[in-house]
Structures are given as structure tokens and as C-alpha cells.
Amino acid sequence: MATPMESPQTHPVWCVLYGMGIIGFLVLYGIFQEGIMTVPYNGHLFKFSVFLVLCNRLAAVIFAVFMAYAKGENMKNQAPIWKYLIVSLSNVYASSCQYEALKYVSFAVQMLGKSFKMMPVMIWGMIISGKSYSARDWAVALAVTLGCTEFLMTGPTASKVDSGSSFKGFLYLGGFLFLDGLTSTFQEKLFREHNTTKYNQMTYINLLSACVSAVTLMLTGDMLPAITFGIEHPKFFIDSAFLSGAAVASQWCIYSQIKEFGALVFAATMNVRQVVSILVSYLKYHNPVTGFQIIGFVAIFSALFYKSFASILDSKNPEKKPLVLGDRKVIEDIEKK
């Protein structure tokens, strides 16, 4: 019988294909995300970000249930429902903050905000899980934080939708960073304490997130207006379907790459993805950028690439590694869609 390393799926060509899938699908996701929230449909902007969260979560549930069934995984909840609910609540409102931020700040600022979250995630890890981090981790996080700050202070940051309310966009980004850090840390705690499988956790978190989204929409009175908007502008439903499809497809590529080639390779792939997504956004939507912002951009991703490749070089075992606790947090970034 062939060993896992002899499997055709572990050939370097598959690593490249998975990487291309991750980058391609997430770039597509970014294009539709920015387009839905900033480009008017026949003169009308879509304003109901929680509805997008609902659509994405329902698509993720369908995918997770199908994969759990195909893998023969137990569908019974492996952790208490209330713990899944905590993750779902922070997940939904982190995602909503992310979408809402695009109304007030540029896509590049939103993307860089995801890098900025390194510090909050590390702090949450220390508070909730008692983690400790190396001097290199703190140095990289500091370099990324300073690069993000430099980017924000040396050029335009406002969304083309509403150039006069950047501060509000930063508040939404702050909410996203806070909630996202809590989501990632608590989800990792679930894996560690209850040994949940990825599709089991994905099913229950996304199912509860869909419920939270639906209840939020009904309580705020936005459910009917959101559906009406889609009926009046059918292209919105097409765009949201592509958005959800791109998110689910990227998840499959992500799980496959991590399983076959390890989280370090995935981390490097995600760094490339962020660079490509921002460049594509500038080319497609003609967002302005200054020379000093480019310097900050380079500083941020130089630090991230250094961290990725230094970790690869430091790894004593070049063989593929199974999905470990530390890797789960990275995948949660894709669940914010």
C-alpha cells in the first residue's frame, strides 16, 4: 500500500494547483465582495451586509454536510451547542463589520486590517489560552502593525462610496479585529478541548451563524428589504451566488493544501493572495494609492513573507503535517466570508 507521501495528491504539482485555486478563488471572492458593497445596482447600493453573511453561511453548511457525509463523519455535535453559539455570534458580527467597513474605507485598507489583527489574536491567545510567543513573532507583528499604520496615515483610505466617513470605517475594522480575534481563539479552544472534526465544527458553527444572521435580519427589519433588493436587481443574487461559491471552493483548496503540504505552505500562499487581491482591486476599481502607502505595503508583506519562509526553514520535519491546533485559526479567516 502506498504511503501518504507517495500519494499523487502530494506531488508538488498539486501544491501549485491548490495554491492557484486558493489565490484564484479568494481573489474572485474579493472582487465580488468589493463590487457588491461599493458598486451601485442601477443606481442603488446594497446596504444589508448581514444578508450576505447569511447567504455565505448557508452555502458553507451545504458544503460541510456534504463533505461530512462523504467522509463518513459523525454529524452529532461534538461540543456543547452553547460553545458553538459563542463562536457563531462573534463570527457573524465580525463578518458584518468587515462588509460594513467597505462602505467607508478602501478594499486595500480592509485587507491590510486582516494583517493588523496579528496583535489582537496574540493578545487573545495569551488571555484565553495562556499562550506565549517568541521575540520573532512579536517583531513580525510589530513590523506589520507599523506598516499598516504607515499605510493608513500617508494616503487616501476612504471608500469611493463615502469618502467623508473613514473614521466610521476604522471603527468597523476595530470591531472586526476584536471579534475576529475572539472567534479564532475560541474556535481553537473547541478543537483542543472537544477534539471536534473540521466538518463537524464547520457544520454547526455555520448553521448557528446562519440562524444568528436570520434572527438579526428579522429583528432589524432588513430581511424583506434585502430579498426585495435582490428581486428588483437580479444581478445581486447572481453576484452573491458567485461570492458564496468562491468562498466554499477556496475552503476546499485550503483544507486540501494544509492536509497534504502543511500550514506553512498555506501561510505563504495566503500572503501571495493578499498581495494579488489588493493589486487586482486597484486595477479593476481604480482605487488611488500614494508612494508612501506602497512603502508601507511592501513593509507589511516583507515581514509576513519573512515569517512564512523562516518558519519553513526552521521546520525540522519537511514531511507534510496534519492539521494542527495552530492551523485552525488561519482557516477561520476564510470563514469570515
Protein backbone atom coordinates (compact mmCIF):
# COMPACT_ATOMS: atom_id res chain seq x y z
CA MET A 1 0.00 0.00 0.00
CA ALA A 2 1.30 3.46 -0.90
CA THR A 3 2.27 5.74 1.94
CA PRO A 4 0.65 9.17 2.22
CA MET A 5 3.80 10.79 0.85
CA GLU A 6 3.56 8.57 -2.23
CA SER A 7 0.03 9.69 -2.99
CA PRO A 8 -0.36 11.56 -6.28
CA GLN A 9 -2.11 14.35 -4.37
CA THR A 10 1.17 15.16 -2.57
CA HIS A 11 3.09 15.75 -5.78
CA PRO A 12 4.46 19.34 -6.00
CA VAL A 13 2.19 19.97 -8.97
CA TRP A 14 -0.81 19.52 -6.67
CA CYS A 15 0.68 22.01 -4.23
CA VAL A 16 0.83 24.57 -7.03
CA LEU A 17 -2.69 23.72 -8.19
CA TYR A 18 -4.10 24.06 -4.68
CA GLY A 19 -2.24 27.36 -4.29
CA MET A 20 -3.59 28.65 -7.59
CA GLY A 21 -7.07 27.60 -6.51
CA ILE A 22 -6.78 29.41 -3.17
CA ILE A 23 -5.44 32.59 -4.76
CA GLY A 24 -7.83 32.49 -7.72
CA PHE A 25 -11.00 31.80 -5.74
CA LEU A 26 -10.18 34.29 -2.98
CA VAL A 27 -9.28 36.99 -5.49
CA LEU A 28 -12.63 36.30 -7.15
CA TYR A 29 -14.26 36.48 -3.73
CA GLY A 30 -12.62 39.84 -3.07
CA ILE A 31 -13.77 41.22 -6.41
CA PHE A 32 -17.40 40.26 -5.77
CA GLN A 33 -17.22 41.40 -2.15
CA GLU A 34 -15.98 44.85 -3.10
CA GLY A 35 -18.34 45.06 -6.07
CA ILE A 36 -21.47 44.14 -4.10
CA MET A 37 -20.76 46.64 -1.33
CA THR A 38 -19.42 49.58 -3.38
CA VAL A 39 -20.82 49.41 -6.93
CA PRO A 40 -24.47 50.54 -7.32
CA TYR A 41 -27.06 48.26 -8.92
CA ASN A 42 -28.91 50.57 -11.32
CA GLY A 43 -28.08 53.49 -9.07
CA HIS A 44 -28.87 51.71 -5.78
CA LEU A 45 -26.29 50.44 -3.29
CA PHE A 46 -26.82 47.18 -1.41
CA LYS A 47 -26.83 48.04 2.31
CA PHE A 48 -27.70 44.79 4.10
CA SER A 49 -24.35 43.19 4.89
CA VAL A 50 -25.79 40.60 7.30
CA PHE A 51 -27.79 39.15 4.41
CA LEU A 52 -24.51 38.38 2.63
CA VAL A 53 -23.30 36.64 5.77
CA LEU A 54 -26.49 34.57 5.76
CA CYS A 55 -26.01 33.52 2.11
CA ASN A 56 -22.37 32.57 2.68
CA ARG A 57 -23.12 30.59 5.82
CA LEU A 58 -25.93 28.62 4.15
CA ALA A 59 -23.59 27.72 1.28
CA ALA A 60 -20.93 26.65 3.80
CA VAL A 61 -23.45 24.46 5.67
CA ILE A 62 -24.41 22.65 2.46
CA PHE A 63 -20.73 22.09 1.66
CA ALA A 64 -19.86 20.91 5.19
CA VAL A 65 -22.80 18.49 5.44
CA PHE A 66 -21.97 17.01 2.04
CA MET A 67 -18.29 16.58 2.95
CA ALA A 68 -19.10 15.14 6.39
CA TYR A 69 -21.44 12.62 4.76
CA ALA A 70 -18.85 11.77 2.09
CA LYS A 71 -16.16 11.28 4.75
CA GLY A 72 -18.48 9.27 6.99
CA GLU A 73 -18.08 11.71 9.89
CA ASN A 74 -20.47 11.68 12.85
CA MET A 75 -23.00 14.50 12.47
CA LYS A 76 -23.78 14.73 16.18
CA ASN A 77 -22.42 17.86 17.82
CA GLN A 78 -19.07 17.04 19.42
CA ALA A 79 -19.04 20.12 21.66
CA PRO A 80 -21.83 21.82 23.66
CA ILE A 81 -24.12 23.88 21.44
CA TRP A 82 -23.58 27.00 23.56
CA LYS A 83 -19.87 26.92 22.76
CA TYR A 84 -20.60 26.70 19.04
CA LEU A 85 -23.02 29.59 19.53
CA ILE A 86 -20.36 31.84 21.05
CA VAL A 87 -18.16 31.30 18.00
CA SER A 88 -21.14 31.83 15.70
CA LEU A 89 -22.12 35.14 17.31
CA SER A 90 -18.62 36.60 17.09
CA ASN A 91 -18.25 35.12 13.60
CA VAL A 92 -21.39 36.75 12.22
CA TYR A 93 -20.73 40.19 13.64
CA ALA A 94 -17.05 40.10 12.70
CA SER A 95 -18.11 39.35 9.13
CA SER A 96 -20.73 42.11 9.23
CA CYS A 97 -18.12 44.62 10.43
CA GLN A 98 -15.88 43.53 7.57
CA TYR A 99 -18.57 44.13 4.96
CA GLU A 100 -19.73 47.40 6.52
CA ALA A 101 -16.16 48.72 6.57
CA LEU A 102 -16.09 48.62 2.75
CA LYS A 103 -18.71 51.38 2.73
CA TYR A 104 -16.24 53.75 4.39
CA VAL A 105 -12.68 52.55 3.70
CA SER A 106 -10.98 51.11 0.63
CA PHE A 107 -10.62 47.41 -0.07
CA ALA A 108 -6.84 47.68 0.46
CA VAL A 109 -7.37 49.09 3.96
CA GLN A 110 -9.79 46.28 4.76
CA MET A 111 -7.33 43.65 3.52
CA LEU A 112 -4.44 45.16 5.45
CA GLY A 113 -6.67 45.25 8.52
CA LYS A 114 -6.63 41.44 8.43
CA SER A 115 -2.85 41.57 8.75
CA PHE A 116 -3.16 44.17 11.51
CA LYS A 117 -5.11 41.62 13.56
CA MET A 118 -1.93 39.71 14.41
CA MET A 119 -1.53 41.69 17.64
CA PRO A 120 -5.17 41.20 18.82
CA VAL A 121 -5.04 37.47 18.07
CA MET A 122 -1.78 37.08 20.01
CA ILE A 123 -3.19 39.03 22.94
CA TRP A 124 -6.39 36.95 22.96
CA GLY A 125 -4.24 33.80 22.82
CA MET A 126 -2.36 34.92 25.92
CA ILE A 127 -5.56 35.80 27.81
CA ILE A 128 -7.73 32.82 26.88
CA SER A 129 -5.25 30.01 26.22
CA GLY A 130 -2.19 31.13 28.20
CA LYS A 131 -0.01 31.09 25.10
CA SER A 132 3.45 32.57 24.80
CA TYR A 133 5.13 33.92 21.66
CA SER A 134 8.74 34.23 20.54
CA ALA A 135 10.58 37.51 20.08
CA ARG A 136 10.42 36.93 16.33
CA ASP A 137 6.62 36.61 16.45
CA TRP A 138 6.36 39.92 18.31
CA ALA A 139 8.86 41.59 15.95
CA VAL A 140 6.90 40.48 12.88
CA ALA A 141 3.60 41.57 14.46
CA LEU A 142 5.14 44.96 15.31
CA ALA A 143 6.51 45.40 11.78
CA VAL A 144 3.11 44.57 10.31
CA THR A 145 1.34 46.90 12.72
CA LEU A 146 3.71 49.79 11.95
CA GLY A 147 3.42 49.11 8.21
CA CYS A 148 -0.38 49.20 8.44
CA THR A 149 -0.23 52.43 10.43
CA GLU A 150 2.10 54.00 7.88
CA PHE A 151 -0.22 52.94 5.05
CA LEU A 152 -3.25 54.45 6.80
CA MET A 153 -1.55 57.77 7.60
CA THR A 154 0.16 58.56 4.30
CA GLY A 155 -2.57 58.44 1.68
CA PRO A 156 -6.26 58.05 0.82
CA THR A 157 -8.10 55.40 2.81
CA ALA A 158 -11.74 56.26 2.19
CA SER A 159 -14.09 54.14 0.15
CA LYS A 160 -15.25 55.60 -3.13
CA VAL A 161 -18.80 55.07 -1.84
CA ASP A 162 -18.48 57.52 1.07
CA SER A 163 -15.23 59.49 1.20
CA GLY A 164 -16.28 61.55 4.20
CA SER A 165 -16.67 58.82 6.82
CA SER A 166 -13.31 56.99 7.00
CA PHE A 167 -13.37 57.17 10.80
CA LYS A 168 -16.55 55.13 10.89
CA GLY A 169 -14.87 52.58 8.66
CA PHE A 170 -11.96 52.34 11.09
CA LEU A 171 -14.43 51.71 13.91
CA TYR A 172 -15.91 48.82 11.94
CA LEU A 173 -12.40 47.50 11.30
CA GLY A 174 -11.70 47.75 15.03
CA GLY A 175 -14.85 45.77 15.73
CA PHE A 176 -13.78 43.20 13.15
CA LEU A 177 -10.31 42.83 14.70
CA PHE A 178 -11.74 42.42 18.21
CA LEU A 179 -14.42 39.90 17.27
CA ASP A 180 -12.26 38.02 14.78
CA GLY A 181 -9.52 37.53 17.34
CA LEU A 182 -12.08 36.19 19.81
CA THR A 183 -13.59 33.88 17.16
CA SER A 184 -10.26 32.35 16.12
CA THR A 185 -9.03 31.84 19.67
CA PHE A 186 -12.27 30.30 20.94
CA GLN A 187 -12.55 28.04 17.90
CA GLU A 188 -9.05 26.70 18.52
CA LYS A 189 -10.09 26.06 22.12
CA LEU A 190 -13.02 23.98 20.85
CA PHE A 191 -10.72 21.80 18.76
CA ARG A 192 -8.37 21.28 21.69
CA GLU A 193 -10.93 20.58 24.42
CA HIS A 194 -13.51 18.59 22.45
CA ASN A 195 -11.47 17.12 19.58
CA THR A 196 -14.07 18.21 17.04
CA THR A 197 -13.57 17.29 13.39
CA LYS A 198 -13.27 20.13 10.91
CA TYR A 199 -16.52 19.37 9.05
CA ASN A 200 -18.47 18.80 12.26
CA GLN A 201 -17.37 22.15 13.63
CA MET A 202 -17.85 23.82 10.25
CA THR A 203 -21.41 22.45 10.04
CA TYR A 204 -22.56 23.59 13.49
CA ILE A 205 -20.78 26.94 13.50
CA ASN A 206 -22.10 27.87 10.07
CA LEU A 207 -25.59 26.53 10.83
CA LEU A 208 -25.80 28.57 14.03
CA SER A 209 -24.24 31.54 12.23
CA ALA A 210 -26.98 31.31 9.62
CA CYS A 211 -29.57 31.29 12.42
CA VAL A 212 -27.95 34.29 14.10
CA SER A 213 -27.87 36.13 10.77
CA ALA A 214 -31.52 35.34 10.05
CA VAL A 215 -32.64 36.45 13.52
CA THR A 216 -30.59 39.65 13.21
CA LEU A 217 -32.15 40.42 9.84
CA MET A 218 -35.66 39.86 11.19
CA LEU A 219 -35.10 41.90 14.35
CA THR A 220 -33.68 44.82 12.37
CA GLY A 221 -36.37 44.54 9.71
CA ASP A 222 -33.76 44.04 6.97
CA MET A 223 -34.72 40.57 5.77
CA LEU A 224 -37.60 41.63 3.49
CA PRO A 225 -35.79 44.73 2.11
CA ALA A 226 -32.73 42.59 1.31
CA ILE A 227 -34.81 39.98 -0.53
CA THR A 228 -36.76 42.75 -2.29
CA PHE A 229 -33.48 44.35 -3.39
CA GLY A 230 -32.45 41.06 -4.96
CA ILE A 231 -35.78 40.67 -6.73
CA GLU A 232 -35.54 44.21 -8.09
CA HIS A 233 -31.88 43.73 -9.03
CA PRO A 234 -31.46 40.07 -10.11
CA LYS A 235 -27.76 40.61 -10.76
CA PHE A 236 -27.30 40.90 -6.99
CA PHE A 237 -28.38 37.30 -6.45
CA ILE A 238 -26.02 36.20 -9.21
CA ASP A 239 -23.14 38.12 -7.61
CA SER A 240 -23.91 36.78 -4.13
CA ALA A 241 -24.07 33.23 -5.52
CA PHE A 242 -20.61 33.69 -7.06
CA LEU A 243 -19.40 35.21 -3.77
CA SER A 244 -20.59 32.20 -1.76
CA GLY A 245 -19.37 29.73 -4.36
CA ALA A 246 -15.90 31.29 -4.40
CA ALA A 247 -15.76 31.13 -0.59
CA VAL A 248 -16.72 27.45 -0.49
CA ALA A 249 -14.36 26.49 -3.34
CA SER A 250 -11.49 28.29 -1.63
CA GLN A 251 -12.24 26.38 1.59
CA TRP A 252 -11.84 23.06 -0.22
CA CYS A 253 -8.50 24.14 -1.69
CA ILE A 254 -7.35 25.41 1.71
CA TYR A 255 -8.20 22.21 3.56
CA SER A 256 -6.55 20.14 0.82
CA GLN A 257 -3.33 22.15 0.78
CA ILE A 258 -2.98 22.14 4.57
CA LYS A 259 -3.71 18.43 4.79
CA GLU A 260 -1.25 17.44 2.07
CA PHE A 261 1.50 20.05 2.42
CA GLY A 262 1.16 21.70 5.84
CA ALA A 263 0.12 25.07 7.24
CA LEU A 264 3.45 26.77 6.49
CA VAL A 265 2.92 26.39 2.76
CA PHE A 266 -0.63 27.65 3.20
CA ALA A 267 0.56 30.71 5.13
CA ALA A 268 2.90 31.64 2.29
CA THR A 269 0.05 31.12 -0.20
CA MET A 270 -2.21 33.46 1.79
CA ASN A 271 0.45 36.17 1.77
CA VAL A 272 0.60 35.96 -2.03
CA ARG A 273 -3.20 36.03 -2.11
CA GLN A 274 -3.36 39.31 -0.17
CA VAL A 275 -0.87 40.97 -2.49
CA VAL A 276 -2.68 39.76 -5.61
CA SER A 277 -6.12 40.73 -4.22
CA ILE A 278 -5.03 44.29 -3.48
CA LEU A 279 -3.33 44.69 -6.88
CA VAL A 280 -6.39 43.32 -8.69
CA SER A 281 -8.62 45.70 -6.72
CA TYR A 282 -6.50 48.68 -7.75
CA LEU A 283 -6.55 47.61 -11.39
CA LYS A 284 -10.28 46.80 -11.55
CA TYR A 285 -11.74 49.59 -9.40
CA HIS A 286 -9.00 52.23 -9.94
CA ASN A 287 -8.50 52.98 -6.26
CA PRO A 288 -5.86 55.71 -5.60
CA VAL A 289 -2.58 54.93 -3.82
CA THR A 290 0.47 57.04 -2.87
CA GLY A 291 4.17 56.23 -2.93
CA PHE A 292 4.37 56.20 0.86
CA GLN A 293 1.47 53.75 1.01
CA ILE A 294 3.37 51.47 -1.35
CA ILE A 295 6.31 51.57 1.09
CA GLY A 296 4.00 50.55 3.94
CA PHE A 297 2.52 47.83 1.73
CA VAL A 298 5.99 46.45 0.99
CA ALA A 299 6.99 46.58 4.68
CA ILE A 300 3.89 44.63 5.73
CA PHE A 301 4.28 41.80 3.27
CA SER A 302 8.06 41.64 3.60
CA ALA A 303 7.50 40.89 7.29
CA LEU A 304 4.80 38.32 6.52
CA PHE A 305 6.87 36.56 3.86
CA TYR A 306 9.86 36.54 6.20
CA LYS A 307 7.76 34.89 8.90
CA SER A 308 6.42 32.26 6.50
CA PHE A 309 9.73 31.27 4.97
CA ALA A 310 11.68 31.49 8.23
CA SER A 311 9.17 29.07 9.74
CA ILE A 312 9.59 26.73 6.78
CA LEU A 313 13.39 26.81 7.12
CA ASP A 314 13.14 26.26 10.88
CA SER A 315 10.92 23.23 10.48
CA LYS A 316 12.92 20.09 11.26
CA ASN A 317 10.40 17.78 9.66
CA PRO A 318 9.97 18.51 5.95
CA GLU A 319 7.20 15.95 5.60
CA LYS A 320 3.62 17.03 5.44
CA LYS A 321 1.92 17.61 8.76
CA PRO A 322 -1.72 17.02 9.72
CA LEU A 323 -3.96 19.91 10.54
CA VAL A 324 -2.89 21.04 14.00
CA LEU A 325 -4.44 23.40 16.50
CA GLY A 326 -2.43 26.39 15.42
CA ASP A 327 -3.53 25.90 11.82
CA ARG A 328 -7.24 26.07 12.63
CA LYS A 329 -7.04 29.77 13.39
CA VAL A 330 -5.81 30.55 9.89
CA ILE A 331 -8.70 28.70 8.27
CA GLU A 332 -11.18 30.76 10.28
CA ASP A 333 -10.14 33.78 8.15
CA ILE A 334 -11.89 32.16 5.24
CA GLU A 335 -14.99 31.53 7.30
CA LYS A 336 -15.40 35.35 7.56
CA LYS A 337 -16.99 35.39 4.23
